[in-house]
Amino acid sequence: MPEMTGVEALKEIKKINPYATIIMCSAMGQQAMVVDAIKYGAKDLIVSSLQKEALDKICTG
């Protein structure tokens, strides 16, 4: 992301709406980023290398 990281965006969204449900999507499954995302309120994290069909199934329940 050109202006901020996903975790920084997550923090800003949570400031605006602490009840927002946020699922992060990342091409990098780095442990530190995953821990930070959950720590700052992400509901879940999806590694974007998943096939489109798997991602559709996750998003539609």
Protein backbone atom coordinates (compact mmCIF):
# COMPACT_ATOMS: atom_id res chain seq x y z
CA MET A 1 0.00 0.00 0.00
CA PRO A 2 1.54 3.30 -1.01
CA GLU A 3 0.61 5.50 1.98
CA MET A 4 0.50 3.15 4.97
CA THR A 5 0.79 -0.50 5.87
CA GLY A 6 -2.24 -2.72 6.30
CA VAL A 7 -1.75 -2.74 10.07
CA GLU A 8 -1.59 1.08 10.10
CA ALA A 9 -4.82 1.19 8.06
CA LEU A 10 -6.38 -1.27 10.49
CA LYS A 11 -5.52 1.00 13.43
CA GLU A 12 -7.02 4.04 11.65
CA ILE A 13 -10.24 2.17 10.79
CA LYS A 14 -10.60 0.99 14.39
CA LYS A 15 -10.18 4.60 15.61
CA ILE A 16 -13.10 5.62 13.40
CA ASN A 17 -15.23 2.57 14.20
CA PRO A 18 -14.05 0.32 17.04
CA TYR A 19 -16.77 -2.19 16.11
CA ALA A 20 -15.67 -2.61 12.48
CA THR A 21 -15.14 -6.21 11.43
CA ILE A 22 -11.89 -6.36 9.49
CA ILE A 23 -10.38 -9.33 7.69
CA MET A 24 -6.86 -8.69 6.48
CA CYS A 25 -5.59 -10.12 3.19
CA SER A 26 -1.86 -10.34 2.62
CA ALA A 27 0.52 -11.94 0.18
CA MET A 28 2.99 -12.23 3.04
CA GLY A 29 2.12 -14.48 5.95
CA GLN A 30 4.84 -12.99 8.15
CA GLN A 31 4.29 -14.01 11.75
CA ALA A 32 4.94 -10.53 13.20
CA MET A 33 2.42 -8.90 10.84
CA VAL A 34 -0.19 -11.57 11.61
CA VAL A 35 0.29 -11.09 15.37
CA ASP A 36 0.03 -7.30 15.02
CA ALA A 37 -3.11 -7.53 12.87
CA ILE A 38 -4.87 -9.71 15.45
CA LYS A 39 -3.52 -7.58 18.32
CA TYR A 40 -4.99 -4.42 16.79
CA GLY A 41 -8.38 -5.93 16.08
CA ALA A 42 -8.42 -7.87 12.82
CA LYS A 43 -10.99 -10.64 12.95
CA ASP A 44 -8.94 -12.92 10.70
CA LEU A 45 -6.16 -12.96 8.12
CA ILE A 46 -6.22 -14.54 4.68
CA VAL A 47 -3.03 -15.26 2.76
CA SER A 48 -3.86 -14.04 -0.74
CA SER A 49 -2.10 -16.86 -2.53
CA LEU A 50 -5.30 -18.84 -2.05
CA GLN A 51 -7.17 -19.87 -5.17
CA LYS A 52 -10.12 -17.62 -6.07
CA GLU A 53 -12.58 -20.48 -5.40
CA ALA A 54 -11.24 -20.94 -1.85
CA LEU A 55 -11.40 -17.20 -1.20
CA ASP A 56 -15.00 -17.05 -2.51
CA LYS A 57 -15.97 -19.90 -0.18
CA ILE A 58 -14.42 -18.15 2.83
CA CYS A 59 -16.16 -14.85 2.03
CA THR A 60 -19.61 -16.35 1.44
CA GLY A 61 -19.55 -18.67 4.41
